[in-house]
C-alpha cells in the first residue's frame, strides 16, 4: 500500500456493536483469548475502550484501559494480524496514554509476555520501563509464562 498508515486508520470509542469484530481479532491473536463476556463487561463498567478502523470502518485493532486512584492500567491492546506493522498499535497506545493524562493519572502500567517481542519494542519506544516480573502470570502451552510489569510515569 502506498497510503500512509495514519491516513488509513481512525481511532474512536469502542461500541457494543464492535465486540464481534474485536472478539475475532482476539481469537486469532491469542492462544488464550478473552471471552465476549469480558469485553462486554469492560464496556458495561465503563473502562475506556477504543477501536482502530480502516477506511471502510472495519475494526483492525482495539485497546482497553482502566484508571483508578492516579494509576492507569492497559488491560488489552491488539491489532489484526494483517494490519500489524503499520502504526496501528502506536495510535491505540497514544489514545490510552492521552486518556490517562486527561484523567490525571500519574503512571500507566501494563503486563507483557517476555515472548511478545513486537509489543515490548512498542512499549520501549513509547518510554515504558520494566519495574517488576509477575511469575506465572499468563497461561502458556507448557504451563505458565511470566509477565513483565512495565510502567510509564506521566508526571
N, C-alpha and C. Protein backbone atom coordinates (compact mmCIF):
# COMPACT_ATOMS: atom_id res chain seq x y z
N UNK A 1 0.83 -1.19 0.00
CA UNK A 1 0.00 0.00 0.00
C UNK A 1 0.87 1.24 0.00
N UNK A 2 0.43 2.24 -0.70
CA UNK A 2 1.20 3.47 -0.75
C UNK A 2 0.63 4.53 0.18
N UNK A 3 -0.51 4.26 0.80
CA UNK A 3 -1.13 5.22 1.70
C UNK A 3 -0.46 5.12 3.07
N UNK A 4 -0.14 6.27 3.64
CA UNK A 4 0.45 6.28 4.97
C UNK A 4 -0.53 5.70 5.98
N UNK A 5 -0.06 4.87 6.92
CA UNK A 5 -0.96 4.24 7.89
C UNK A 5 -1.79 5.25 8.68
N UNK A 6 -1.26 6.40 9.03
CA UNK A 6 -2.02 7.36 9.81
C UNK A 6 -3.16 7.96 9.01
N UNK A 7 -3.07 7.96 7.70
CA UNK A 7 -4.19 8.39 6.87
C UNK A 7 -5.20 7.27 6.70
N UNK A 8 -4.72 6.05 6.87
CA UNK A 8 -5.54 4.88 6.60
C UNK A 8 -6.48 4.56 7.75
N UNK A 9 -6.11 4.90 8.97
CA UNK A 9 -6.90 4.47 10.12
C UNK A 9 -7.45 5.64 10.92
N UNK A 10 -8.48 5.36 11.65
CA UNK A 10 -9.02 6.28 12.64
C UNK A 10 -9.13 5.54 13.95
N UNK A 11 -9.16 6.27 15.04
CA UNK A 11 -9.34 5.68 16.37
C UNK A 11 -10.57 6.34 16.97
N UNK A 12 -11.48 5.52 17.45
CA UNK A 12 -12.72 6.01 18.07
C UNK A 12 -13.10 5.11 19.22
N UNK A 13 -14.05 5.57 20.00
CA UNK A 13 -14.53 4.77 21.11
C UNK A 13 -15.16 3.47 20.65
N UNK A 14 -14.89 2.41 21.39
CA UNK A 14 -15.48 1.11 21.08
C UNK A 14 -16.96 1.13 21.42
N UNK A 15 -17.75 0.55 20.55
CA UNK A 15 -19.20 0.43 20.76
C UNK A 15 -19.55 -1.05 20.94
N UNK A 16 -20.69 -1.29 21.50
CA UNK A 16 -21.14 -2.67 21.71
C UNK A 16 -21.15 -3.44 20.39
N UNK A 17 -21.53 -2.78 19.33
CA UNK A 17 -21.61 -3.46 18.03
C UNK A 17 -20.22 -3.83 17.47
N UNK A 18 -19.16 -3.27 18.05
CA UNK A 18 -17.79 -3.61 17.64
C UNK A 18 -17.30 -4.91 18.24
N UNK A 19 -17.95 -5.38 19.28
CA UNK A 19 -17.44 -6.53 20.03
C UNK A 19 -17.23 -7.77 19.15
N UNK A 20 -18.14 -8.12 18.24
CA UNK A 20 -17.86 -9.31 17.41
C UNK A 20 -16.55 -9.18 16.61
N UNK A 21 -16.28 -8.02 16.03
CA UNK A 21 -15.04 -7.84 15.27
C UNK A 21 -13.83 -7.87 16.20
N UNK A 22 -13.96 -7.27 17.37
CA UNK A 22 -12.88 -7.28 18.36
C UNK A 22 -12.61 -8.71 18.79
N UNK A 23 -13.64 -9.45 19.07
CA UNK A 23 -13.51 -10.84 19.50
C UNK A 23 -12.82 -11.69 18.43
N UNK A 24 -13.14 -11.44 17.18
CA UNK A 24 -12.49 -12.19 16.08
C UNK A 24 -10.98 -11.93 16.06
N UNK A 25 -10.58 -10.67 16.23
CA UNK A 25 -9.15 -10.34 16.28
C UNK A 25 -8.50 -10.99 17.50
N UNK A 26 -9.17 -10.92 18.63
CA UNK A 26 -8.66 -11.52 19.87
C UNK A 26 -8.42 -13.02 19.69
N UNK A 27 -9.37 -13.69 19.07
CA UNK A 27 -9.28 -15.15 18.94
C UNK A 27 -8.18 -15.59 17.99
N UNK A 28 -7.92 -14.82 16.94
CA UNK A 28 -6.85 -15.22 16.02
C UNK A 28 -5.48 -14.78 16.53
N UNK A 29 -5.46 -13.91 17.52
CA UNK A 29 -4.19 -13.36 18.01
C UNK A 29 -3.63 -14.06 19.24
N UNK A 30 -4.48 -14.66 20.03
CA UNK A 30 -4.03 -15.22 21.30
C UNK A 30 -4.43 -16.67 21.46
N UNK A 31 -3.55 -17.44 22.06
CA UNK A 31 -3.86 -18.82 22.39
C UNK A 31 -4.86 -18.94 23.52
N UNK A 32 -4.94 -17.90 24.34
CA UNK A 32 -5.85 -17.87 25.49
C UNK A 32 -6.62 -16.55 25.44
N UNK A 33 -7.57 -16.43 24.51
CA UNK A 33 -8.25 -15.16 24.29
C UNK A 33 -9.27 -14.82 25.36
N UNK A 34 -9.53 -13.52 25.48
CA UNK A 34 -10.63 -13.05 26.31
C UNK A 34 -11.94 -13.53 25.67
N UNK A 35 -12.95 -13.68 26.51
CA UNK A 35 -14.28 -14.07 26.03
C UNK A 35 -15.08 -12.82 25.65
N UNK A 36 -16.15 -13.05 24.94
CA UNK A 36 -17.07 -11.95 24.60
C UNK A 36 -17.58 -11.29 25.87
N UNK A 37 -17.87 -12.09 26.87
CA UNK A 37 -18.39 -11.55 28.13
C UNK A 37 -17.40 -10.56 28.77
N UNK A 38 -16.11 -10.88 28.72
CA UNK A 38 -15.12 -9.97 29.31
C UNK A 38 -15.15 -8.62 28.60
N UNK A 39 -15.19 -8.63 27.27
CA UNK A 39 -15.24 -7.37 26.54
C UNK A 39 -16.51 -6.59 26.86
N UNK A 40 -17.63 -7.29 26.89
CA UNK A 40 -18.90 -6.60 27.19
C UNK A 40 -18.92 -6.07 28.62
N UNK A 41 -18.34 -6.82 29.56
CA UNK A 41 -18.25 -6.34 30.94
C UNK A 41 -17.37 -5.10 31.03
N UNK A 42 -16.28 -5.07 30.28
CA UNK A 42 -15.41 -3.88 30.28
C UNK A 42 -16.17 -2.65 29.81
N UNK A 43 -16.98 -2.80 28.77
CA UNK A 43 -17.79 -1.68 28.29
C UNK A 43 -18.85 -1.31 29.32
N UNK A 44 -19.47 -2.31 29.90
CA UNK A 44 -20.55 -2.07 30.87
C UNK A 44 -20.07 -1.30 32.09
N UNK A 45 -18.88 -1.63 32.59
CA UNK A 45 -18.39 -0.97 33.80
C UNK A 45 -17.69 0.36 33.50
N UNK A 46 -17.56 0.68 32.22
CA UNK A 46 -17.04 2.00 31.87
C UNK A 46 -15.54 2.10 31.68
N UNK A 47 -14.86 0.98 31.48
CA UNK A 47 -13.45 1.08 31.13
C UNK A 47 -13.34 1.83 29.80
N UNK A 48 -12.24 2.49 29.62
CA UNK A 48 -12.01 3.23 28.38
C UNK A 48 -11.62 2.22 27.30
N UNK A 49 -12.34 2.25 26.20
CA UNK A 49 -12.12 1.27 25.14
C UNK A 49 -12.15 1.97 23.79
N UNK A 50 -11.19 1.62 22.95
CA UNK A 50 -11.08 2.21 21.62
C UNK A 50 -10.96 1.11 20.58
N UNK A 51 -11.31 1.46 19.35
CA UNK A 51 -11.01 0.62 18.20
C UNK A 51 -10.29 1.46 17.16
N UNK A 52 -9.43 0.81 16.41
CA UNK A 52 -8.81 1.41 15.23
C UNK A 52 -9.55 0.84 14.03
N UNK A 53 -9.84 1.71 13.07
CA UNK A 53 -10.59 1.28 11.90
C UNK A 53 -9.84 1.66 10.63
N UNK A 54 -10.15 0.92 9.56
CA UNK A 54 -9.57 1.26 8.27
C UNK A 54 -10.51 2.21 7.53
N UNK A 55 -10.20 2.49 6.30
CA UNK A 55 -11.02 3.43 5.52
C UNK A 55 -12.45 2.96 5.34
N UNK A 56 -12.66 1.65 5.40
CA UNK A 56 -14.01 1.09 5.27
C UNK A 56 -14.72 0.95 6.61
N UNK A 57 -14.12 1.54 7.67
CA UNK A 57 -14.68 1.45 9.04
C UNK A 57 -14.65 0.03 9.59
N UNK A 58 -13.78 -0.82 9.05
CA UNK A 58 -13.61 -2.16 9.59
C UNK A 58 -12.65 -2.08 10.78
N UNK A 59 -12.99 -2.76 11.86
CA UNK A 59 -12.14 -2.77 13.05
C UNK A 59 -10.87 -3.56 12.75
N UNK A 60 -9.71 -2.91 12.98
CA UNK A 60 -8.43 -3.57 12.74
C UNK A 60 -7.56 -3.63 14.00
N UNK A 61 -8.08 -3.09 15.10
CA UNK A 61 -7.36 -3.14 16.37
C UNK A 61 -8.22 -2.58 17.47
N UNK A 62 -7.80 -2.81 18.71
CA UNK A 62 -8.56 -2.32 19.86
C UNK A 62 -7.64 -2.18 21.06
N UNK A 63 -8.12 -1.40 22.02
CA UNK A 63 -7.35 -1.19 23.25
C UNK A 63 -8.31 -0.86 24.38
N UNK A 64 -7.97 -1.32 25.59
CA UNK A 64 -8.78 -1.05 26.77
C UNK A 64 -7.90 -0.58 27.91
N UNK A 65 -8.44 0.34 28.71
CA UNK A 65 -7.70 0.97 29.79
C UNK A 65 -8.61 1.17 30.99
N UNK A 66 -8.08 0.90 32.17
CA UNK A 66 -8.79 1.28 33.40
C UNK A 66 -7.96 2.36 34.09
N UNK A 67 -8.66 3.26 34.76
CA UNK A 67 -7.98 4.33 35.50
C UNK A 67 -8.63 4.41 36.88
N UNK A 68 -7.78 4.37 37.91
CA UNK A 68 -8.28 4.49 39.28
C UNK A 68 -7.15 4.98 40.17
N UNK A 69 -7.48 5.88 41.07
CA UNK A 69 -6.58 6.36 42.11
C UNK A 69 -5.21 6.77 41.53
N UNK A 70 -5.23 7.56 40.49
CA UNK A 70 -3.99 8.09 39.94
C UNK A 70 -3.16 7.13 39.13
N UNK A 71 -3.72 5.95 38.85
CA UNK A 71 -2.96 4.95 38.12
C UNK A 71 -3.82 4.40 36.98
N UNK A 72 -3.23 4.30 35.79
CA UNK A 72 -3.91 3.72 34.65
C UNK A 72 -3.30 2.36 34.36
N UNK A 73 -4.13 1.45 33.85
CA UNK A 73 -3.66 0.10 33.56
C UNK A 73 -4.15 -0.30 32.18
N UNK A 74 -3.20 -0.58 31.29
CA UNK A 74 -3.54 -1.08 29.96
C UNK A 74 -4.01 -2.52 30.15
N UNK A 75 -5.27 -2.77 29.82
CA UNK A 75 -5.84 -4.10 30.01
C UNK A 75 -5.63 -4.99 28.80
N UNK A 76 -5.70 -4.40 27.61
CA UNK A 76 -5.56 -5.18 26.38
C UNK A 76 -5.28 -4.21 25.25
N UNK A 77 -4.40 -4.60 24.36
CA UNK A 77 -4.10 -3.84 23.14
C UNK A 77 -3.73 -4.87 22.09
N UNK A 78 -4.45 -4.87 20.98
CA UNK A 78 -4.23 -5.90 19.96
C UNK A 78 -4.58 -5.34 18.58
N UNK A 79 -3.84 -5.80 17.59
CA UNK A 79 -4.04 -5.40 16.20
C UNK A 79 -4.23 -6.65 15.36
N UNK A 80 -5.14 -6.59 14.40
CA UNK A 80 -5.37 -7.71 13.49
C UNK A 80 -4.06 -8.08 12.79
N UNK A 81 -3.81 -9.37 12.61
CA UNK A 81 -2.55 -9.80 12.01
C UNK A 81 -2.21 -9.11 10.70
N UNK A 82 -3.18 -8.91 9.82
CA UNK A 82 -2.89 -8.30 8.52
C UNK A 82 -2.73 -6.79 8.58
N UNK A 83 -2.92 -6.19 9.76
CA UNK A 83 -2.75 -4.75 9.91
C UNK A 83 -1.53 -4.39 10.76
N UNK A 84 -0.79 -5.38 11.20
CA UNK A 84 0.37 -5.14 12.06
C UNK A 84 1.52 -4.53 11.27
N UNK A 85 2.33 -3.74 11.97
CA UNK A 85 3.49 -3.14 11.34
C UNK A 85 3.20 -1.86 10.58
N UNK A 86 2.00 -1.29 10.78
CA UNK A 86 1.61 -0.08 10.05
C UNK A 86 1.24 1.07 10.98
N UNK A 87 1.65 1.00 12.23
CA UNK A 87 1.40 2.10 13.15
C UNK A 87 0.08 2.05 13.89
N UNK A 88 -0.69 1.00 13.71
CA UNK A 88 -2.00 0.90 14.37
C UNK A 88 -1.83 0.83 15.89
N UNK A 89 -0.92 -0.01 16.36
CA UNK A 89 -0.70 -0.14 17.81
C UNK A 89 -0.21 1.18 18.39
N UNK A 90 0.62 1.90 17.65
CA UNK A 90 1.09 3.20 18.13
C UNK A 90 -0.08 4.16 18.34
N UNK A 91 -0.99 4.19 17.39
CA UNK A 91 -2.15 5.09 17.50
C UNK A 91 -3.03 4.71 18.69
N UNK A 92 -3.23 3.42 18.87
CA UNK A 92 -4.05 2.98 20.00
C UNK A 92 -3.37 3.31 21.33
N UNK A 93 -2.07 3.08 21.42
CA UNK A 93 -1.35 3.39 22.65
C UNK A 93 -1.37 4.89 22.92
N UNK A 94 -1.27 5.70 21.89
CA UNK A 94 -1.39 7.16 22.06
C UNK A 94 -2.74 7.52 22.68
N UNK A 95 -3.81 6.85 22.23
CA UNK A 95 -5.14 7.10 22.79
C UNK A 95 -5.19 6.73 24.26
N UNK A 96 -4.59 5.59 24.60
CA UNK A 96 -4.57 5.16 26.00
C UNK A 96 -3.82 6.14 26.89
N UNK A 97 -2.65 6.54 26.44
CA UNK A 97 -1.83 7.48 27.22
C UNK A 97 -2.53 8.82 27.33
N UNK A 98 -3.12 9.28 26.24
CA UNK A 98 -3.87 10.54 26.28
C UNK A 98 -5.02 10.50 27.27
N UNK A 99 -5.73 9.39 27.32
CA UNK A 99 -6.82 9.25 28.29
C UNK A 99 -6.29 9.25 29.72
N UNK A 100 -5.19 8.55 29.94
CA UNK A 100 -4.58 8.53 31.27
C UNK A 100 -4.17 9.93 31.69
N UNK A 101 -3.59 10.68 30.78
CA UNK A 101 -3.20 12.07 31.09
C UNK A 101 -4.42 12.93 31.36
N UNK A 102 -5.47 12.76 30.57
CA UNK A 102 -6.70 13.54 30.76
C UNK A 102 -7.33 13.28 32.13
N UNK A 103 -7.14 12.08 32.63
CA UNK A 103 -7.69 11.73 33.95
C UNK A 103 -6.68 11.94 35.06
N UNK A 104 -5.59 12.60 34.73
CA UNK A 104 -4.54 12.96 35.68
C UNK A 104 -3.90 11.75 36.38
N UNK A 105 -3.81 10.66 35.64
CA UNK A 105 -3.09 9.50 36.18
C UNK A 105 -1.61 9.88 36.26
N UNK A 106 -0.96 9.39 37.28
CA UNK A 106 0.46 9.66 37.45
C UNK A 106 1.33 8.65 36.72
N UNK A 107 0.74 7.50 36.42
CA UNK A 107 1.52 6.40 35.84
C UNK A 107 0.59 5.49 35.05
N UNK A 108 1.15 4.89 34.00
CA UNK A 108 0.45 3.87 33.22
C UNK A 108 1.21 2.56 33.41
N UNK A 109 0.49 1.52 33.77
CA UNK A 109 1.07 0.19 33.96
C UNK A 109 0.53 -0.78 32.92
N UNK A 110 1.31 -1.81 32.65
CA UNK A 110 0.84 -2.90 31.78
C UNK A 110 1.70 -4.12 32.00
N UNK A 111 1.14 -5.27 31.66
CA UNK A 111 1.89 -6.52 31.65
C UNK A 111 2.08 -6.94 30.20
N UNK A 112 3.23 -7.54 29.93
CA UNK A 112 3.51 -8.05 28.59
C UNK A 112 4.30 -9.35 28.72
N UNK A 113 4.02 -10.27 27.82
CA UNK A 113 4.78 -11.52 27.81
C UNK A 113 6.21 -11.25 27.36
N UNK A 114 7.20 -11.85 28.00
CA UNK A 114 8.57 -11.70 27.51
C UNK A 114 8.72 -12.18 26.06
N UNK A 115 7.90 -13.14 25.66
CA UNK A 115 7.98 -13.68 24.30
C UNK A 115 7.36 -12.76 23.24
N UNK A 116 6.64 -11.72 23.66
CA UNK A 116 5.99 -10.80 22.71
C UNK A 116 6.94 -9.67 22.37
N UNK A 117 7.89 -9.96 21.50
CA UNK A 117 8.95 -9.01 21.20
C UNK A 117 8.45 -7.75 20.50
N UNK A 118 7.47 -7.86 19.62
CA UNK A 118 6.98 -6.66 18.94
C UNK A 118 6.29 -5.72 19.93
N UNK A 119 5.52 -6.26 20.86
CA UNK A 119 4.88 -5.41 21.87
C UNK A 119 5.92 -4.78 22.78
N UNK A 120 6.92 -5.55 23.14
CA UNK A 120 7.98 -5.00 24.00
C UNK A 120 8.71 -3.86 23.30
N UNK A 121 8.95 -3.97 22.00
CA UNK A 121 9.58 -2.87 21.24
C UNK A 121 8.69 -1.63 21.23
N UNK A 122 7.39 -1.82 21.02
CA UNK A 122 6.44 -0.71 21.03
C UNK A 122 6.49 0.02 22.37
N UNK A 123 6.39 -0.73 23.45
CA UNK A 123 6.35 -0.10 24.77
C UNK A 123 7.67 0.59 25.11
N UNK A 124 8.78 0.00 24.73
CA UNK A 124 10.08 0.63 24.97
C UNK A 124 10.18 1.94 24.18
N UNK A 125 9.77 1.90 22.93
CA UNK A 125 9.79 3.09 22.08
C UNK A 125 8.95 4.22 22.68
N UNK A 126 7.89 3.85 23.38
CA UNK A 126 6.98 4.86 23.97
C UNK A 126 7.40 5.26 25.39
N UNK A 127 8.51 4.74 25.88
CA UNK A 127 9.04 5.17 27.16
C UNK A 127 8.71 4.31 28.36
N UNK A 128 8.05 3.18 28.16
CA UNK A 128 7.76 2.28 29.27
C UNK A 128 9.04 1.62 29.74
N UNK A 129 9.14 1.42 31.05
CA UNK A 129 10.30 0.77 31.65
C UNK A 129 9.83 -0.40 32.52
N UNK A 130 10.64 -1.44 32.53
CA UNK A 130 10.33 -2.62 33.34
C UNK A 130 10.53 -2.29 34.81
N UNK A 131 9.51 -2.62 35.62
CA UNK A 131 9.62 -2.36 37.06
C UNK A 131 9.54 -3.64 37.89
N UNK A 132 9.04 -4.73 37.27
CA UNK A 132 8.93 -5.99 38.03
C UNK A 132 8.61 -7.13 37.07
N UNK A 133 8.62 -8.33 37.62
CA UNK A 133 8.19 -9.52 36.90
C UNK A 133 7.09 -10.17 37.73
N UNK A 134 6.03 -10.59 37.05
CA UNK A 134 4.95 -11.33 37.71
C UNK A 134 5.11 -12.80 37.30
N UNK A 135 5.62 -13.63 38.20
CA UNK A 135 5.87 -15.04 37.86
C UNK A 135 4.57 -15.79 37.52
N UNK A 136 4.62 -16.57 36.45
CA UNK A 136 3.50 -17.44 36.10
C UNK A 136 2.21 -16.71 35.81
N UNK A 137 2.26 -15.52 35.31
CA UNK A 137 1.08 -14.66 35.13
C UNK A 137 0.17 -15.15 34.00
N UNK A 138 0.77 -15.55 32.88
CA UNK A 138 0.00 -15.91 31.70
C UNK A 138 -0.07 -17.42 31.50
N UNK A 139 -1.22 -17.93 31.05
CA UNK A 139 -1.26 -19.34 30.65
C UNK A 139 -0.41 -19.53 29.40
N UNK A 140 0.21 -20.68 29.28
CA UNK A 140 1.06 -20.98 28.13
C UNK A 140 0.95 -22.47 27.82
N UNK A 141 1.28 -22.87 26.60
CA UNK A 141 1.15 -24.28 26.23
C UNK A 141 1.93 -25.21 27.16
N UNK A 142 3.07 -24.75 27.68
CA UNK A 142 3.88 -25.61 28.55
C UNK A 142 3.74 -25.26 30.03
N UNK A 143 2.62 -24.66 30.39
CA UNK A 143 2.38 -24.30 31.79
C UNK A 143 2.01 -22.85 31.94
N UNK A 144 2.95 -22.04 32.43
CA UNK A 144 2.70 -20.62 32.66
C UNK A 144 3.89 -19.82 32.14
N UNK A 145 3.62 -18.58 31.75
CA UNK A 145 4.67 -17.66 31.33
C UNK A 145 4.64 -16.44 32.23
N UNK A 146 5.80 -15.97 32.60
CA UNK A 146 5.89 -14.76 33.41
C UNK A 146 5.36 -13.57 32.63
N UNK A 147 5.07 -12.50 33.35
CA UNK A 147 4.74 -11.22 32.73
C UNK A 147 5.76 -10.20 33.18
N UNK A 148 6.15 -9.36 32.26
CA UNK A 148 6.99 -8.22 32.62
C UNK A 148 6.03 -7.08 32.95
N UNK A 149 6.18 -6.49 34.11
CA UNK A 149 5.37 -5.35 34.51
C UNK A 149 6.13 -4.09 34.08
N UNK A 150 5.49 -3.32 33.21
CA UNK A 150 6.10 -2.10 32.69
C UNK A 150 5.34 -0.89 33.17
N UNK A 151 6.04 0.25 33.29
CA UNK A 151 5.41 1.48 33.74
C UNK A 151 5.89 2.65 32.91
N UNK A 152 5.00 3.60 32.73
CA UNK A 152 5.31 4.87 32.10
C UNK A 152 4.88 5.95 33.09
N UNK A 153 5.82 6.71 33.61
CA UNK A 153 5.48 7.78 34.53
C UNK A 153 5.04 8.99 33.73
N UNK A 154 3.90 9.57 34.12
CA UNK A 154 3.34 10.70 33.40
C UNK A 154 3.63 12.03 34.06
N UNK A 155 4.09 12.00 35.30
CA UNK A 155 4.40 13.27 35.98
C UNK A 155 5.89 13.35 36.26
